[in-house]
């Protein structure tokens, strides 16, 4: 395995490791003693550093595992950006793909910003980070999917990326429009945030497989 292949495989593995983000969401939620709803509560409630009464929902937010949750989000952010920086050799040469990877890289930085600034102790930077993370990942996913759709061996993942990116963008629209009121905020936020993360995991597996094949540049 040459240096280029190794770099690409590391990038793909980094994206696969984003799965720990979802594992920690479930674990962190399970430690709550107050009600937590995926349709009502914000994802960020799991990383809140203090117990406080939500002005938006008029319920108590208290996350015992907030430290572990924010560590998980930091790891996910690093993995997202690292993968975006390393996987380009495995993807078809395309300006759209390159720009999409750039947006994904920025999304990883945004997620780290979210993790370092919990919603209750660093609200301004937290909101900025969440806006960057969710918005950049949604459009980055769509652009990567659109680029891959044009390449023969990537048709399926390309279509998936375009569909998931579109879903995320629609979720952003409904979230910004406050459709359904505070009771539905968590639902729209997850529809905006999760598709891109799931796509990176799926794409990571495919990239690792492609990079290890004999036909990959430098493997002959």
N, C-alpha and C. Protein backbone atom coordinates (compact mmCIF):
# COMPACT_ATOMS: atom_id res chain seq x y z
N UNK A 1 0.85 -1.20 0.00
CA UNK A 1 0.00 0.00 0.00
C UNK A 1 0.88 1.25 0.00
N UNK A 2 0.78 2.04 -1.07
CA UNK A 2 1.61 3.24 -1.15
C UNK A 2 1.02 4.38 -0.30
N UNK A 3 1.75 5.49 -0.26
CA UNK A 3 1.35 6.60 0.61
C UNK A 3 -0.01 7.17 0.21
N UNK A 4 -0.27 7.25 -1.09
CA UNK A 4 -1.54 7.83 -1.55
C UNK A 4 -2.71 6.94 -1.15
N UNK A 5 -2.53 5.64 -1.33
CA UNK A 5 -3.58 4.71 -0.95
C UNK A 5 -3.81 4.75 0.55
N UNK A 6 -2.73 4.76 1.31
CA UNK A 6 -2.82 4.79 2.77
C UNK A 6 -3.57 6.05 3.23
N UNK A 7 -3.24 7.17 2.60
CA UNK A 7 -3.90 8.43 2.94
C UNK A 7 -5.41 8.34 2.70
N UNK A 8 -5.77 7.77 1.55
CA UNK A 8 -7.19 7.66 1.20
C UNK A 8 -7.93 6.72 2.14
N UNK A 9 -7.30 5.60 2.47
CA UNK A 9 -7.92 4.64 3.39
C UNK A 9 -8.13 5.27 4.76
N UNK A 10 -7.14 6.02 5.23
CA UNK A 10 -7.27 6.71 6.52
C UNK A 10 -8.45 7.68 6.49
N UNK A 11 -8.59 8.39 5.37
CA UNK A 11 -9.72 9.31 5.23
C UNK A 11 -11.06 8.60 5.27
N UNK A 12 -11.14 7.46 4.57
CA UNK A 12 -12.37 6.68 4.58
C UNK A 12 -12.70 6.15 5.97
N UNK A 13 -11.68 5.66 6.66
CA UNK A 13 -11.88 5.15 8.02
C UNK A 13 -12.33 6.28 8.95
N UNK A 14 -11.77 7.47 8.76
CA UNK A 14 -12.17 8.62 9.57
C UNK A 14 -13.66 8.87 9.43
N UNK A 15 -14.16 8.79 8.20
CA UNK A 15 -15.60 8.99 8.00
C UNK A 15 -16.42 7.86 8.61
N UNK A 16 -15.93 6.64 8.52
CA UNK A 16 -16.63 5.51 9.13
C UNK A 16 -16.77 5.71 10.63
N UNK A 17 -15.74 6.27 11.25
CA UNK A 17 -15.74 6.46 12.70
C UNK A 17 -16.77 7.49 13.17
N UNK A 18 -17.36 8.21 12.24
CA UNK A 18 -18.43 9.14 12.60
C UNK A 18 -19.60 8.39 13.23
N UNK A 19 -19.66 7.08 13.02
CA UNK A 19 -20.74 6.27 13.60
C UNK A 19 -20.79 6.40 15.12
N UNK A 20 -19.62 6.66 15.74
CA UNK A 20 -19.61 6.80 17.20
C UNK A 20 -20.45 8.00 17.66
N UNK A 21 -20.65 8.97 16.78
CA UNK A 21 -21.51 10.12 17.09
C UNK A 21 -22.92 9.65 17.43
N UNK A 22 -23.45 8.75 16.59
CA UNK A 22 -24.80 8.25 16.81
C UNK A 22 -24.88 7.35 18.03
N UNK A 23 -23.85 6.55 18.24
CA UNK A 23 -23.82 5.68 19.42
C UNK A 23 -23.89 6.52 20.69
N UNK A 24 -23.10 7.60 20.72
CA UNK A 24 -23.08 8.44 21.91
C UNK A 24 -24.39 9.18 22.12
N UNK A 25 -25.08 9.55 21.05
CA UNK A 25 -26.38 10.20 21.21
C UNK A 25 -27.34 9.29 21.97
N UNK A 26 -27.35 8.02 21.59
CA UNK A 26 -28.24 7.06 22.25
C UNK A 26 -27.83 6.84 23.70
N UNK A 27 -26.52 6.67 23.92
CA UNK A 27 -26.02 6.44 25.27
C UNK A 27 -26.30 7.65 26.16
N UNK A 28 -26.00 8.84 25.65
CA UNK A 28 -26.19 10.06 26.43
C UNK A 28 -27.65 10.27 26.79
N UNK A 29 -28.52 10.04 25.81
CA UNK A 29 -29.95 10.19 26.07
C UNK A 29 -30.42 9.22 27.14
N UNK A 30 -29.87 8.01 27.14
CA UNK A 30 -30.30 6.98 28.09
C UNK A 30 -29.97 7.34 29.53
N UNK A 31 -29.05 8.29 29.72
CA UNK A 31 -28.66 8.68 31.07
C UNK A 31 -29.52 9.80 31.64
N UNK A 32 -30.41 10.34 30.82
CA UNK A 32 -31.29 11.42 31.29
C UNK A 32 -32.32 10.88 32.27
N UNK A 33 -32.62 11.69 33.28
CA UNK A 33 -33.70 11.36 34.21
C UNK A 33 -34.93 12.22 33.94
N UNK A 34 -34.75 13.27 33.16
CA UNK A 34 -35.88 14.09 32.71
C UNK A 34 -36.26 13.65 31.30
N UNK A 35 -37.49 13.90 30.85
CA UNK A 35 -37.92 13.45 29.52
C UNK A 35 -37.06 14.04 28.41
N UNK A 36 -36.74 13.21 27.42
CA UNK A 36 -36.00 13.68 26.24
C UNK A 36 -36.69 13.13 25.00
N UNK A 37 -36.99 14.01 24.06
CA UNK A 37 -37.71 13.62 22.86
C UNK A 37 -36.92 14.02 21.62
N UNK A 38 -36.79 13.10 20.66
CA UNK A 38 -36.08 13.41 19.42
C UNK A 38 -36.88 14.38 18.55
N UNK A 39 -38.16 14.47 18.76
CA UNK A 39 -38.95 15.42 17.97
C UNK A 39 -38.98 16.81 18.61
N UNK A 40 -38.78 16.87 19.92
CA UNK A 40 -38.88 18.15 20.63
C UNK A 40 -37.52 18.72 21.01
N UNK A 41 -36.70 17.92 21.66
CA UNK A 41 -35.41 18.42 22.16
C UNK A 41 -34.39 18.62 21.05
N UNK A 42 -33.60 19.67 21.19
CA UNK A 42 -32.48 19.89 20.27
C UNK A 42 -31.40 18.85 20.52
N UNK A 43 -30.64 18.52 19.49
CA UNK A 43 -29.50 17.63 19.66
C UNK A 43 -28.56 18.23 20.71
N UNK A 44 -28.40 19.53 20.66
CA UNK A 44 -27.47 20.23 21.55
C UNK A 44 -27.81 20.09 23.03
N UNK A 45 -29.07 19.75 23.34
CA UNK A 45 -29.44 19.57 24.74
C UNK A 45 -28.60 18.47 25.40
N UNK A 46 -28.16 17.50 24.61
CA UNK A 46 -27.36 16.40 25.15
C UNK A 46 -25.97 16.87 25.57
N UNK A 47 -25.54 18.01 25.05
CA UNK A 47 -24.22 18.53 25.40
C UNK A 47 -24.26 19.70 26.35
N UNK A 48 -25.45 20.04 26.85
CA UNK A 48 -25.58 21.17 27.78
C UNK A 48 -24.77 20.93 29.03
N UNK A 49 -24.00 21.94 29.44
CA UNK A 49 -23.06 21.77 30.55
C UNK A 49 -23.71 21.91 31.92
N UNK A 50 -24.87 22.52 31.98
CA UNK A 50 -25.56 22.72 33.26
C UNK A 50 -27.01 22.27 33.16
N UNK A 51 -27.63 22.04 34.29
CA UNK A 51 -29.06 21.77 34.32
C UNK A 51 -29.79 23.11 34.28
N UNK A 52 -30.66 23.29 33.33
CA UNK A 52 -31.37 24.56 33.20
C UNK A 52 -32.74 24.35 32.59
N UNK A 53 -33.59 25.31 32.76
CA UNK A 53 -34.92 25.24 32.18
C UNK A 53 -34.90 25.89 30.80
N UNK A 54 -35.27 25.13 29.79
CA UNK A 54 -35.26 25.61 28.42
C UNK A 54 -36.30 26.70 28.22
N UNK A 55 -35.86 27.87 27.75
CA UNK A 55 -36.79 28.97 27.47
C UNK A 55 -37.72 28.62 26.31
N UNK A 56 -37.21 27.82 25.39
CA UNK A 56 -37.98 27.48 24.20
C UNK A 56 -39.05 26.42 24.49
N UNK A 57 -38.66 25.39 25.25
CA UNK A 57 -39.56 24.26 25.47
C UNK A 57 -40.27 24.28 26.81
N UNK A 58 -39.78 25.14 27.73
CA UNK A 58 -40.33 25.19 29.07
C UNK A 58 -40.25 23.83 29.77
N UNK A 59 -39.14 23.15 29.56
CA UNK A 59 -38.86 21.88 30.24
C UNK A 59 -37.42 21.92 30.75
N UNK A 60 -37.12 21.04 31.67
CA UNK A 60 -35.77 20.99 32.21
C UNK A 60 -34.83 20.23 31.28
N UNK A 61 -33.66 20.80 31.08
CA UNK A 61 -32.60 20.17 30.30
C UNK A 61 -31.47 19.84 31.26
N UNK A 62 -31.16 18.56 31.38
CA UNK A 62 -30.11 18.14 32.31
C UNK A 62 -29.45 16.89 31.74
N UNK A 63 -28.22 17.02 31.25
CA UNK A 63 -27.53 15.93 30.57
C UNK A 63 -26.32 15.45 31.39
N UNK A 64 -26.48 14.37 32.16
CA UNK A 64 -25.38 13.88 33.01
C UNK A 64 -24.11 13.53 32.24
N UNK A 65 -24.26 13.10 30.99
CA UNK A 65 -23.09 12.69 30.21
C UNK A 65 -22.69 13.76 29.19
N UNK A 66 -22.86 15.02 29.55
CA UNK A 66 -22.55 16.08 28.60
C UNK A 66 -21.07 16.14 28.23
N UNK A 67 -20.19 15.82 29.17
CA UNK A 67 -18.75 15.85 28.86
C UNK A 67 -18.41 14.80 27.81
N UNK A 68 -18.88 13.57 28.02
CA UNK A 68 -18.63 12.50 27.05
C UNK A 68 -19.25 12.83 25.70
N UNK A 69 -20.43 13.45 25.74
CA UNK A 69 -21.11 13.82 24.50
C UNK A 69 -20.31 14.84 23.71
N UNK A 70 -19.81 15.86 24.38
CA UNK A 70 -19.03 16.89 23.69
C UNK A 70 -17.70 16.35 23.20
N UNK A 71 -17.12 15.39 23.91
CA UNK A 71 -15.90 14.74 23.42
C UNK A 71 -16.22 13.97 22.14
N UNK A 72 -17.34 13.27 22.15
CA UNK A 72 -17.77 12.52 20.97
C UNK A 72 -17.97 13.44 19.78
N UNK A 73 -18.59 14.60 20.02
CA UNK A 73 -18.82 15.55 18.93
C UNK A 73 -17.50 16.12 18.41
N UNK A 74 -16.55 16.33 19.31
CA UNK A 74 -15.23 16.81 18.88
C UNK A 74 -14.55 15.77 17.99
N UNK A 75 -14.60 14.51 18.42
CA UNK A 75 -14.00 13.43 17.62
C UNK A 75 -14.67 13.35 16.26
N UNK A 76 -16.01 13.45 16.24
CA UNK A 76 -16.74 13.39 14.98
C UNK A 76 -16.34 14.55 14.07
N UNK A 77 -16.21 15.75 14.63
CA UNK A 77 -15.81 16.90 13.84
C UNK A 77 -14.43 16.73 13.23
N UNK A 78 -13.50 16.22 14.02
CA UNK A 78 -12.14 15.98 13.53
C UNK A 78 -12.17 14.92 12.43
N UNK A 79 -12.94 13.86 12.63
CA UNK A 79 -13.03 12.79 11.63
C UNK A 79 -13.64 13.29 10.33
N UNK A 80 -14.65 14.14 10.43
CA UNK A 80 -15.29 14.69 9.24
C UNK A 80 -14.29 15.52 8.43
N UNK A 81 -13.58 16.42 9.09
CA UNK A 81 -12.62 17.28 8.40
C UNK A 81 -11.43 16.48 7.89
N UNK A 82 -10.94 15.54 8.69
CA UNK A 82 -9.80 14.72 8.27
C UNK A 82 -10.16 13.91 7.04
N UNK A 83 -11.33 13.30 7.05
CA UNK A 83 -11.76 12.53 5.89
C UNK A 83 -11.86 13.39 4.64
N UNK A 84 -12.45 14.57 4.79
CA UNK A 84 -12.61 15.47 3.64
C UNK A 84 -11.26 15.88 3.06
N UNK A 85 -10.25 15.97 3.92
CA UNK A 85 -8.92 16.38 3.46
C UNK A 85 -8.16 15.24 2.78
N UNK A 86 -8.57 13.99 3.03
CA UNK A 86 -7.76 12.85 2.57
C UNK A 86 -8.38 11.99 1.47
N UNK A 87 -9.69 12.03 1.29
CA UNK A 87 -10.33 11.06 0.39
C UNK A 87 -10.38 11.48 -1.07
N UNK A 88 -9.97 12.67 -1.40
CA UNK A 88 -10.12 13.17 -2.76
C UNK A 88 -9.57 12.24 -3.83
N UNK A 89 -8.41 11.56 -3.62
CA UNK A 89 -7.90 10.68 -4.67
C UNK A 89 -8.85 9.56 -5.07
N UNK A 90 -9.77 9.18 -4.19
CA UNK A 90 -10.69 8.09 -4.49
C UNK A 90 -11.90 8.54 -5.29
N UNK A 91 -12.15 9.84 -5.32
CA UNK A 91 -13.33 10.35 -5.99
C UNK A 91 -13.01 10.80 -7.41
N UNK A 92 -14.01 10.79 -8.29
CA UNK A 92 -13.79 11.26 -9.65
C UNK A 92 -13.33 12.72 -9.65
N UNK A 93 -12.37 13.07 -10.52
CA UNK A 93 -11.91 14.46 -10.57
C UNK A 93 -13.04 15.38 -11.02
N UNK A 94 -13.40 16.31 -10.17
CA UNK A 94 -14.53 17.19 -10.45
C UNK A 94 -14.46 18.41 -9.55
N UNK A 95 -14.73 19.57 -10.12
CA UNK A 95 -14.77 20.78 -9.31
C UNK A 95 -15.90 20.74 -8.29
N UNK A 96 -17.00 20.13 -8.70
CA UNK A 96 -18.14 20.03 -7.79
C UNK A 96 -17.77 19.17 -6.59
N UNK A 97 -17.10 18.05 -6.84
CA UNK A 97 -16.68 17.17 -5.75
C UNK A 97 -15.69 17.88 -4.83
N UNK A 98 -14.76 18.60 -5.43
CA UNK A 98 -13.76 19.33 -4.64
C UNK A 98 -14.42 20.38 -3.76
N UNK A 99 -15.36 21.11 -4.33
CA UNK A 99 -16.06 22.14 -3.55
C UNK A 99 -16.90 21.49 -2.45
N UNK A 100 -17.53 20.36 -2.79
CA UNK A 100 -18.32 19.65 -1.79
C UNK A 100 -17.46 19.17 -0.64
N UNK A 101 -16.27 18.66 -0.95
CA UNK A 101 -15.34 18.23 0.10
C UNK A 101 -14.92 19.41 0.97
N UNK A 102 -14.75 20.56 0.34
CA UNK A 102 -14.40 21.76 1.10
C UNK A 102 -15.49 22.13 2.10
N UNK A 103 -16.74 22.01 1.67
CA UNK A 103 -17.86 22.30 2.57
C UNK A 103 -17.92 21.29 3.71
N UNK A 104 -17.65 20.03 3.40
CA UNK A 104 -17.64 19.00 4.45
C UNK A 104 -16.53 19.27 5.45
N UNK A 105 -15.37 19.69 4.96
CA UNK A 105 -14.26 20.04 5.85
C UNK A 105 -14.68 21.15 6.81
N UNK A 106 -15.33 22.17 6.29
CA UNK A 106 -15.80 23.28 7.11
C UNK A 106 -16.85 22.81 8.12
N UNK A 107 -17.70 21.86 7.70
CA UNK A 107 -18.72 21.32 8.60
C UNK A 107 -18.09 20.67 9.82
N UNK A 108 -16.98 19.96 9.61
CA UNK A 108 -16.29 19.34 10.73
C UNK A 108 -15.79 20.37 11.73
N UNK A 109 -15.28 21.47 11.22
CA UNK A 109 -14.83 22.56 12.10
C UNK A 109 -16.01 23.12 12.88
N UNK A 110 -17.14 23.27 12.19
CA UNK A 110 -18.35 23.77 12.85
C UNK A 110 -18.79 22.87 13.99
N UNK A 111 -18.71 21.55 13.78
CA UNK A 111 -19.12 20.62 14.83
C UNK A 111 -18.19 20.70 16.03
N UNK A 112 -16.90 20.88 15.78
CA UNK A 112 -15.95 21.07 16.90
C UNK A 112 -16.29 22.35 17.67
N UNK A 113 -16.69 23.38 16.95
CA UNK A 113 -17.08 24.64 17.59
C UNK A 113 -18.30 24.42 18.49
N UNK A 114 -19.23 23.61 18.03
CA UNK A 114 -20.41 23.26 18.82
C UNK A 114 -19.99 22.56 20.11
N UNK A 115 -19.07 21.60 19.98
CA UNK A 115 -18.64 20.80 21.13
C UNK A 115 -17.91 21.63 22.18
N UNK A 116 -17.14 22.60 21.73
CA UNK A 116 -16.37 23.43 22.66
C UNK A 116 -17.20 24.55 23.28
N UNK A 117 -18.39 24.76 22.75
CA UNK A 117 -19.25 25.84 23.24
C UNK A 117 -20.67 25.33 23.47
N UNK A 118 -20.93 24.68 24.61
CA UNK A 118 -22.27 24.16 24.89
C UNK A 118 -23.33 25.25 24.78
N UNK A 119 -24.54 24.84 24.47
CA UNK A 119 -25.62 25.79 24.21
C UNK A 119 -25.92 26.73 25.38
N UNK A 120 -25.64 26.26 26.61
CA UNK A 120 -26.00 27.05 27.78
C UNK A 120 -24.86 27.91 28.32
N UNK A 121 -23.64 27.66 27.88
CA UNK A 121 -22.50 28.44 28.39
C UNK A 121 -21.77 29.22 27.30
N UNK A 122 -22.05 28.93 26.04
CA UNK A 122 -21.40 29.64 24.94
C UNK A 122 -22.35 29.75 23.77
N UNK A 123 -23.52 30.33 24.02
CA UNK A 123 -24.62 30.30 23.06
C UNK A 123 -24.26 30.87 21.69
N UNK A 124 -23.62 32.03 21.66
CA UNK A 124 -23.33 32.68 20.37
C UNK A 124 -22.46 31.81 19.49
N UNK A 125 -21.35 31.32 20.03
CA UNK A 125 -20.44 30.48 19.26
C UNK A 125 -21.07 29.12 18.96
N UNK A 126 -21.91 28.66 19.87
CA UNK A 126 -22.59 27.38 19.66
C UNK A 126 -23.52 27.46 18.45
N UNK A 127 -24.32 28.52 18.40
CA UNK A 127 -25.24 28.70 17.28
C UNK A 127 -24.47 28.87 15.98
N UNK A 128 -23.37 29.62 16.02
CA UNK A 128 -22.54 29.80 14.83
C UNK A 128 -22.01 28.45 14.35
N UNK A 129 -21.48 27.67 15.29
CA UNK A 129 -20.93 26.36 14.93
C UNK A 129 -21.99 25.44 14.36
N UNK A 130 -23.17 25.43 14.97
CA UNK A 130 -24.25 24.56 14.49
C UNK A 130 -24.71 24.97 13.10
N UNK A 131 -24.78 26.28 12.87
CA UNK A 131 -25.18 26.79 11.56
C UNK A 131 -24.18 26.36 10.49
N UNK A 132 -22.90 26.50 10.81
CA UNK A 132 -21.85 26.10 9.88
C UNK A 132 -21.89 24.59 9.64
N UNK A 133 -21.99 23.82 10.72
CA UNK A 133 -21.94 22.36 10.61
C UNK A 133 -23.11 21.82 9.80
N UNK A 134 -24.32 22.21 10.16
CA UNK A 134 -25.50 21.66 9.50
C UNK A 134 -25.62 22.16 8.06
N UNK A 135 -25.43 23.46 7.86
CA UNK A 135 -25.56 24.02 6.52
C UNK A 135 -24.50 23.52 5.56
N UNK A 136 -23.25 23.55 5.99
CA UNK A 136 -22.15 23.12 5.12
C UNK A 136 -22.25 21.64 4.78
N UNK A 137 -22.62 20.82 5.77
CA UNK A 137 -22.72 19.38 5.52
C UNK A 137 -23.86 19.05 4.57
N UNK A 138 -24.98 19.74 4.71
CA UNK A 138 -26.12 19.48 3.83
C UNK A 138 -25.77 19.79 2.37
N UNK A 139 -25.22 20.96 2.13
CA UNK A 139 -24.89 21.34 0.76
C UNK A 139 -23.67 20.57 0.24
N UNK A 140 -22.72 20.27 1.13
CA UNK A 140 -21.57 19.47 0.74
C UNK A 140 -21.98 18.07 0.32
N UNK A 141 -22.90 17.48 1.06
CA UNK A 141 -23.41 16.15 0.72
C UNK A 141 -24.09 16.16 -0.64
N UNK A 142 -24.90 17.17 -0.88
CA UNK A 142 -25.59 17.27 -2.16
C UNK A 142 -24.59 17.40 -3.30
N UNK A 143 -23.57 18.22 -3.12
CA UNK A 143 -22.60 18.46 -4.20
C UNK A 143 -21.75 17.23 -4.47
N UNK A 144 -21.32 16.54 -3.43
CA UNK A 144 -20.55 15.31 -3.63
C UNK A 144 -21.42 14.27 -4.34
N UNK A 145 -22.67 14.15 -3.89
CA UNK A 145 -23.58 13.22 -4.54
C UNK A 145 -23.79 13.55 -6.01
N UNK A 146 -23.97 14.83 -6.31
CA UNK A 146 -24.16 15.25 -7.70
C UNK A 146 -22.94 14.92 -8.55
N UNK A 147 -21.76 15.10 -7.98
CA UNK A 147 -20.52 14.81 -8.70
C UNK A 147 -20.37 13.31 -8.96
N UNK A 148 -20.70 12.50 -7.96
CA UNK A 148 -20.55 11.05 -8.10
C UNK A 148 -21.60 10.46 -9.03
N UNK A 149 -22.75 11.10 -9.09
CA UNK A 149 -23.83 10.61 -9.95
C UNK A 149 -23.38 10.55 -11.42
N UNK A 150 -22.46 11.40 -11.78
CA UNK A 150 -22.00 11.48 -13.17
C UNK A 150 -20.96 10.40 -13.49
N UNK A 151 -20.42 9.75 -12.47
CA UNK A 151 -19.39 8.73 -12.69
C UNK A 151 -20.03 7.35 -12.68
N UNK A 152 -19.67 6.52 -13.65
CA UNK A 152 -20.33 5.23 -13.85
C UNK A 152 -20.36 4.35 -12.60
N UNK A 153 -19.21 4.15 -11.96
CA UNK A 153 -19.16 3.20 -10.85
C UNK A 153 -19.69 3.79 -9.54
N UNK A 154 -20.02 5.07 -9.57
CA UNK A 154 -20.48 5.73 -8.35
C UNK A 154 -21.96 6.12 -8.42
N UNK A 155 -22.67 5.63 -9.44
CA UNK A 155 -24.06 6.07 -9.67
C UNK A 155 -24.95 5.95 -8.44
N UNK A 156 -24.90 4.78 -7.79
CA UNK A 156 -25.79 4.53 -6.65
C UNK A 156 -25.49 5.48 -5.49
N UNK A 157 -24.21 5.59 -5.13
CA UNK A 157 -23.84 6.49 -4.03
C UNK A 157 -24.05 7.95 -4.41
N UNK A 158 -23.93 8.23 -5.69
CA UNK A 158 -24.20 9.59 -6.16
C UNK A 158 -25.66 9.95 -5.98
N UNK A 159 -26.54 9.04 -6.40
CA UNK A 159 -27.97 9.27 -6.24
C UNK A 159 -28.34 9.38 -4.76
N UNK A 160 -27.71 8.52 -3.95
CA UNK A 160 -27.98 8.55 -2.50
C UNK A 160 -27.56 9.88 -1.90
N UNK A 161 -26.37 10.35 -2.29
CA UNK A 161 -25.88 11.63 -1.77
C UNK A 161 -26.77 12.79 -2.17
N UNK A 162 -27.20 12.79 -3.42
CA UNK A 162 -28.08 13.86 -3.88
C UNK A 162 -29.40 13.84 -3.12
N UNK A 163 -29.94 12.63 -2.91
CA UNK A 163 -31.21 12.51 -2.20
C UNK A 163 -31.08 12.92 -0.73
N UNK A 164 -30.01 12.45 -0.08
CA UNK A 164 -29.82 12.79 1.33
C UNK A 164 -29.51 14.28 1.50
N UNK A 165 -28.72 14.82 0.58
CA UNK A 165 -28.43 16.25 0.64
C UNK A 165 -29.69 17.09 0.48
N UNK A 166 -30.54 16.68 -0.46
CA UNK A 166 -31.80 17.38 -0.66
C UNK A 166 -32.69 17.29 0.58
N UNK A 167 -32.73 16.10 1.17
CA UNK A 167 -33.52 15.90 2.40
C UNK A 167 -33.04 16.83 3.50
N UNK A 168 -31.71 16.92 3.65
CA UNK A 168 -31.14 17.78 4.69
C UNK A 168 -31.46 19.25 4.44
N UNK A 169 -31.39 19.67 3.19
CA UNK A 169 -31.69 21.07 2.85
C UNK A 169 -33.16 21.38 3.13
N UNK A 170 -34.04 20.44 2.81
CA UNK A 170 -35.47 20.62 3.13
C UNK A 170 -35.65 20.72 4.64
N UNK A 171 -34.93 19.87 5.38
CA UNK A 171 -35.00 19.92 6.84
C UNK A 171 -34.57 21.27 7.38
N UNK A 172 -33.52 21.84 6.79
CA UNK A 172 -33.07 23.17 7.20
C UNK A 172 -34.17 24.20 6.97
N UNK A 173 -34.82 24.09 5.81
CA UNK A 173 -35.90 25.03 5.50
C UNK A 173 -37.03 24.97 6.51
N UNK A 174 -37.47 23.76 6.84
CA UNK A 174 -38.55 23.61 7.81
C UNK A 174 -38.11 24.05 9.20
N UNK A 175 -36.85 23.80 9.53
CA UNK A 175 -36.34 24.21 10.84
C UNK A 175 -36.31 25.73 10.95
N UNK A 176 -35.82 26.40 9.92
CA UNK A 176 -35.76 27.86 9.93
C UNK A 176 -37.16 28.48 9.92
N UNK A 177 -38.09 27.80 9.25
CA UNK A 177 -39.47 28.29 9.19
C UNK A 177 -40.22 28.01 10.49
N UNK A 178 -39.58 27.26 11.38
CA UNK A 178 -40.20 26.87 12.67
C UNK A 178 -41.52 26.15 12.45
N UNK A 179 -41.53 25.30 11.43
CA UNK A 179 -42.73 24.55 11.09
C UNK A 179 -43.09 23.60 12.24
N UNK A 180 -44.31 23.67 12.71
CA UNK A 180 -44.74 22.83 13.82
C UNK A 180 -44.43 23.40 15.18
N UNK A 181 -43.75 24.55 15.21
CA UNK A 181 -43.43 25.19 16.49
C UNK A 181 -42.33 24.49 17.26
N UNK A 182 -42.09 24.91 18.49
CA UNK A 182 -41.02 24.33 19.31
C UNK A 182 -41.13 22.82 19.48
N UNK A 183 -42.35 22.29 19.45
CA UNK A 183 -42.55 20.86 19.67
C UNK A 183 -41.96 20.00 18.56
N UNK A 184 -41.67 20.60 17.39
CA UNK A 184 -41.13 19.85 16.26
C UNK A 184 -39.70 20.28 15.90
N UNK A 185 -39.10 21.14 16.71
CA UNK A 185 -37.76 21.63 16.37
C UNK A 185 -36.75 20.50 16.27
N UNK A 186 -36.76 19.60 17.24
CA UNK A 186 -35.80 18.50 17.24
C UNK A 186 -35.93 17.61 16.01
N UNK A 187 -37.15 17.40 15.56
CA UNK A 187 -37.38 16.57 14.38
C UNK A 187 -36.72 17.17 13.15
N UNK A 188 -36.99 18.46 12.91
CA UNK A 188 -36.44 19.11 11.71
C UNK A 188 -34.93 19.26 11.81
N UNK A 189 -34.42 19.49 13.02
CA UNK A 189 -32.98 19.60 13.18
C UNK A 189 -32.30 18.27 12.82
N UNK A 190 -32.88 17.17 13.23
CA UNK A 190 -32.30 15.87 12.92
C UNK A 190 -32.41 15.54 11.43
N UNK A 191 -33.52 15.93 10.82
CA UNK A 191 -33.66 15.72 9.37
C UNK A 191 -32.63 16.56 8.62
N UNK A 192 -32.26 17.70 9.19
CA UNK A 192 -31.25 18.57 8.57
C UNK A 192 -29.84 18.05 8.81
N UNK A 193 -29.58 17.48 9.98
CA UNK A 193 -28.21 17.12 10.36
C UNK A 193 -27.82 15.68 10.06
N UNK A 194 -28.73 14.74 10.24
CA UNK A 194 -28.36 13.33 10.19
C UNK A 194 -28.06 12.79 8.79
N UNK A 195 -28.79 13.18 7.73
CA UNK A 195 -28.53 12.59 6.42
C UNK A 195 -27.08 12.71 5.96
N UNK A 196 -26.48 13.88 6.14
CA UNK A 196 -25.09 14.07 5.72
C UNK A 196 -24.13 13.21 6.50
N UNK A 197 -24.35 13.07 7.79
CA UNK A 197 -23.48 12.23 8.62
C UNK A 197 -23.58 10.77 8.21
N UNK A 198 -24.80 10.31 7.96
CA UNK A 198 -25.00 8.93 7.52
C UNK A 198 -24.35 8.69 6.16
N UNK A 199 -24.41 9.69 5.30
CA UNK A 199 -23.81 9.56 3.97
C UNK A 199 -22.29 9.43 4.07
N UNK A 200 -21.67 10.21 4.94
CA UNK A 200 -20.23 10.12 5.09
C UNK A 200 -19.81 8.74 5.56
N UNK A 201 -20.58 8.14 6.45
CA UNK A 201 -20.27 6.79 6.93
C UNK A 201 -20.34 5.79 5.77
N UNK A 202 -21.42 5.86 4.99
CA UNK A 202 -21.57 4.95 3.85
C UNK A 202 -20.48 5.17 2.82
N UNK A 203 -20.18 6.43 2.54
CA UNK A 203 -19.15 6.76 1.55
C UNK A 203 -17.78 6.32 2.05
N UNK A 204 -17.57 6.41 3.35
CA UNK A 204 -16.30 5.98 3.93
C UNK A 204 -16.03 4.51 3.66
N UNK A 205 -17.04 3.67 3.83
CA UNK A 205 -16.89 2.23 3.55
C UNK A 205 -16.55 2.00 2.09
N UNK A 206 -17.24 2.70 1.19
CA UNK A 206 -16.99 2.54 -0.23
C UNK A 206 -15.59 3.00 -0.61
N UNK A 207 -15.16 4.10 -0.04
CA UNK A 207 -13.83 4.64 -0.36
C UNK A 207 -12.73 3.70 0.09
N UNK A 208 -12.87 3.12 1.28
CA UNK A 208 -11.87 2.16 1.76
C UNK A 208 -11.78 0.98 0.80
N UNK A 209 -12.93 0.50 0.33
CA UNK A 209 -12.94 -0.61 -0.61
C UNK A 209 -12.30 -0.26 -1.94
N UNK A 210 -12.63 0.91 -2.47
CA UNK A 210 -12.08 1.35 -3.76
C UNK A 210 -10.58 1.55 -3.68
N UNK A 211 -10.11 2.16 -2.60
CA UNK A 211 -8.69 2.49 -2.47
C UNK A 211 -7.81 1.25 -2.36
N UNK A 212 -8.38 0.14 -1.94
CA UNK A 212 -7.59 -1.08 -1.75
C UNK A 212 -7.60 -1.98 -2.98
N UNK A 213 -8.37 -1.61 -4.00
CA UNK A 213 -8.43 -2.43 -5.21
C UNK A 213 -7.20 -2.22 -6.09
N UNK A 214 -6.82 -3.23 -6.87
CA UNK A 214 -5.64 -3.12 -7.74
C UNK A 214 -5.72 -1.97 -8.74
N UNK A 215 -6.91 -1.61 -9.18
CA UNK A 215 -7.05 -0.55 -10.17
C UNK A 215 -6.86 0.85 -9.64
N UNK A 216 -6.78 1.01 -8.33
CA UNK A 216 -6.61 2.34 -7.75
C UNK A 216 -5.22 2.87 -8.08
N UNK A 217 -5.09 4.15 -8.48
CA UNK A 217 -3.78 4.71 -8.86
C UNK A 217 -2.70 4.43 -7.82
N UNK A 218 -1.62 3.80 -8.30
CA UNK A 218 -0.50 3.51 -7.41
C UNK A 218 -0.51 2.11 -6.85
N UNK A 219 -1.63 1.36 -7.07
CA UNK A 219 -1.72 0.01 -6.53
C UNK A 219 -1.26 -1.05 -7.52
N UNK A 220 -1.03 -0.66 -8.76
CA UNK A 220 -0.62 -1.63 -9.78
C UNK A 220 0.82 -2.09 -9.57
